[in-house]
Structures are given as C-alpha cells and as structure tokens.
C-alpha cells in the first residue's frame, strides 16, 4: 500500500501554531506580571494572532475561515463515513 502525502496546513499556519506554542512555553518561565519578557511575549502572540486572522481571509482555501466549520452536508457526510468506517 502506498502512502499519500496530504498537506492540511500551509507553512504560515504551521509557523503560527509553533510560535503560539513557543510563547506559552516561554511564558511558563517568565510569568511575573509586569516582567518585560512576559509583556513582549504577549505582544508577539497578539501580532501572530493578527496575522492569522488576516490570513484567514486572504490565505489558501485550507487556511480560510470559510473552511473552518463544515457545512451541514459535509458534517453529515463525515459522520456517515465514521459510522461506515470508511476513510
């Protein structure tokens, strides 16, 4: 059986997820309120969030907000495939 490569997220979305995870881990060490590192990491997270919101409108189909929630028909088809145990 051959394996098929399927890209679900584009590089910007992957970088966003890794960056936000990194900010959360870094803030574990810099968790003093008012600490300069804590504040700058918060600004970094907000900047990435703003980029991601804009990318949700301008990016490729898989990164768009319109593709985020499935339509009722797509949801029914997905649930049916789960029940039928089909990929």
C-alpha atoms as a PDB file:
ATOM      1  CA  UNK A   1       0.000   0.000   0.000  1.00  0.00           C
ATOM      2  CA  UNK A   2       1.446   3.356  -0.987  1.00  0.00           C
ATOM      3  CA  UNK A   3       1.309   6.308   1.332  1.00  0.00           C
ATOM      4  CA  UNK A   4      -0.200   9.520   0.058  1.00  0.00           C
ATOM      5  CA  UNK A   5       1.100  12.808   1.399  1.00  0.00           C
ATOM      6  CA  UNK A   6      -1.667  15.227   2.310  1.00  0.00           C
ATOM      7  CA  UNK A   7      -0.927  18.794   3.346  1.00  0.00           C
ATOM      8  CA  UNK A   8      -3.621  20.169   5.597  1.00  0.00           C
ATOM      9  CA  UNK A   9      -1.932  23.381   6.691  1.00  0.00           C
ATOM     10  CA  UNK A  10       0.206  25.793   4.734  1.00  0.00           C
ATOM     11  CA  UNK A  11       3.606  26.888   6.135  1.00  0.00           C
ATOM     12  CA  UNK A  12       2.276  30.138   7.656  1.00  0.00           C
ATOM     13  CA  UNK A  13      -0.402  28.316   9.669  1.00  0.00           C
ATOM     14  CA  UNK A  14       2.171  25.770  10.862  1.00  0.00           C
ATOM     15  CA  UNK A  15       4.531  28.576  11.885  1.00  0.00           C
ATOM     16  CA  UNK A  16       1.657  30.300  13.702  1.00  0.00           C
ATOM     17  CA  UNK A  17       0.861  27.160  15.708  1.00  0.00           C
ATOM     18  CA  UNK A  18       4.508  26.536  16.612  1.00  0.00           C
ATOM     19  CA  UNK A  19       5.030  30.197  17.564  1.00  0.00           C
ATOM     20  CA  UNK A  20       1.974  30.324  19.822  1.00  0.00           C
ATOM     21  CA  UNK A  21       3.012  27.059  21.499  1.00  0.00           C
ATOM     22  CA  UNK A  22       6.504  28.501  21.988  1.00  0.00           C
ATOM     23  CA  UNK A  23       5.067  31.659  23.560  1.00  0.00           C
ATOM     24  CA  UNK A  24       3.046  29.597  26.033  1.00  0.00           C
ATOM     25  CA  UNK A  25       6.096  27.540  26.999  1.00  0.00           C
ATOM     26  CA  UNK A  26       8.282  30.655  27.307  1.00  0.00           C
ATOM     27  CA  UNK A  27       5.663  32.412  29.433  1.00  0.00           C
ATOM     28  CA  UNK A  28       5.806  29.487  31.842  1.00  0.00           C
ATOM     29  CA  UNK A  29       9.301  30.697  32.726  1.00  0.00           C
ATOM     30  CA  UNK A  30       8.519  34.436  32.531  1.00  0.00           C
ATOM     31  CA  UNK A  31       5.216  34.514  34.377  1.00  0.00           C
ATOM     32  CA  UNK A  32       5.812  37.542  36.597  1.00  0.00           C
ATOM     33  CA  UNK A  33       3.172  40.186  35.909  1.00  0.00           C
ATOM     34  CA  UNK A  34       4.840  43.297  34.526  1.00  0.00           C
ATOM     35  CA  UNK A  35       8.052  41.462  33.640  1.00  0.00           C
ATOM     36  CA  UNK A  36       9.448  42.822  30.356  1.00  0.00           C
ATOM     37  CA  UNK A  37       9.833  39.361  28.774  1.00  0.00           C
ATOM     38  CA  UNK A  38       6.270  38.448  29.701  1.00  0.00           C
ATOM     39  CA  UNK A  39       4.950  41.660  28.147  1.00  0.00           C
ATOM     40  CA  UNK A  40       6.972  41.297  24.929  1.00  0.00           C
ATOM     41  CA  UNK A  41       5.950  37.669  24.520  1.00  0.00           C
ATOM     42  CA  UNK A  42       2.335  38.801  24.857  1.00  0.00           C
ATOM     43  CA  UNK A  43       2.850  41.390  22.113  1.00  0.00           C
ATOM     44  CA  UNK A  44       4.441  38.689  19.949  1.00  0.00           C
ATOM     45  CA  UNK A  45       1.428  36.400  20.466  1.00  0.00           C
ATOM     46  CA  UNK A  46      -1.038  39.195  19.641  1.00  0.00           C
ATOM     47  CA  UNK A  47       0.920  40.077  16.493  1.00  0.00           C
ATOM     48  CA  UNK A  48       0.805  36.449  15.344  1.00  0.00           C
ATOM     49  CA  UNK A  49      -2.900  36.310  16.130  1.00  0.00           C
ATOM     50  CA  UNK A  50      -3.485  39.390  13.959  1.00  0.00           C
ATOM     51  CA  UNK A  51      -1.501  37.817  11.109  1.00  0.00           C
ATOM     52  CA  UNK A  52      -3.536  34.616  11.428  1.00  0.00           C
ATOM     53  CA  UNK A  53      -6.859  36.494  11.349  1.00  0.00           C
ATOM     54  CA  UNK A  54      -5.824  38.333   8.175  1.00  0.00           C
ATOM     55  CA  UNK A  55      -4.500  35.085   6.671  1.00  0.00           C
ATOM     56  CA  UNK A  56      -7.877  33.505   7.368  1.00  0.00           C
ATOM     57  CA  UNK A  57      -9.371  35.903   4.815  1.00  0.00           C
ATOM     58  CA  UNK A  58      -6.512  36.088   2.283  1.00  0.00           C
ATOM     59  CA  UNK A  59      -4.764  32.717   2.515  1.00  0.00           C
ATOM     60  CA  UNK A  60      -5.269  29.482   0.604  1.00  0.00           C
ATOM     61  CA  UNK A  61      -8.510  27.522   0.860  1.00  0.00           C
ATOM     62  CA  UNK A  62      -7.332  25.286   3.703  1.00  0.00           C
ATOM     63  CA  UNK A  63      -6.433  28.340   5.819  1.00  0.00           C
ATOM     64  CA  UNK A  64      -9.670  30.262   5.225  1.00  0.00           C
ATOM     65  CA  UNK A  65     -12.314  30.858   7.868  1.00  0.00           C
ATOM     66  CA  UNK A  66     -14.957  29.637   5.427  1.00  0.00           C
ATOM     67  CA  UNK A  67     -13.301  26.194   5.552  1.00  0.00           C
ATOM     68  CA  UNK A  68     -13.055  26.201   9.359  1.00  0.00           C
ATOM     69  CA  UNK A  69     -16.575  24.980  10.193  1.00  0.00           C
ATOM     70  CA  UNK A  70     -18.108  22.343   7.919  1.00  0.00           C
ATOM     71  CA  UNK A  71     -21.418  22.872   6.206  1.00  0.00           C
ATOM     72  CA  UNK A  72     -24.294  20.675   7.449  1.00  0.00           C
ATOM     73  CA  UNK A  73     -23.960  18.475   4.341  1.00  0.00           C
ATOM     74  CA  UNK A  74     -20.200  17.999   4.870  1.00  0.00           C
ATOM     75  CA  UNK A  75     -20.782  17.256   8.554  1.00  0.00           C
ATOM     76  CA  UNK A  76     -23.416  14.606   7.737  1.00  0.00           C
ATOM     77  CA  UNK A  77     -21.102  13.025   5.143  1.00  0.00           C
ATOM     78  CA  UNK A  78     -18.247  12.939   7.652  1.00  0.00           C
ATOM     79  CA  UNK A  79     -20.393  11.372  10.390  1.00  0.00           C
ATOM     80  CA  UNK A  80     -21.699   8.797   7.899  1.00  0.00           C
ATOM     81  CA  UNK A  81     -18.122   7.890   6.883  1.00  0.00           C
ATOM     82  CA  UNK A  82     -17.233   7.447  10.564  1.00  0.00           C
ATOM     83  CA  UNK A  83     -20.235   5.175  11.115  1.00  0.00           C
ATOM     84  CA  UNK A  84     -19.438   3.169   7.961  1.00  0.00           C
ATOM     85  CA  UNK A  85     -15.740   3.067   8.981  1.00  0.00           C
ATOM     86  CA  UNK A  86     -14.623   4.470   5.638  1.00  0.00           C
ATOM     87  CA  UNK A  87     -11.703   6.900   5.442  1.00  0.00           C
END
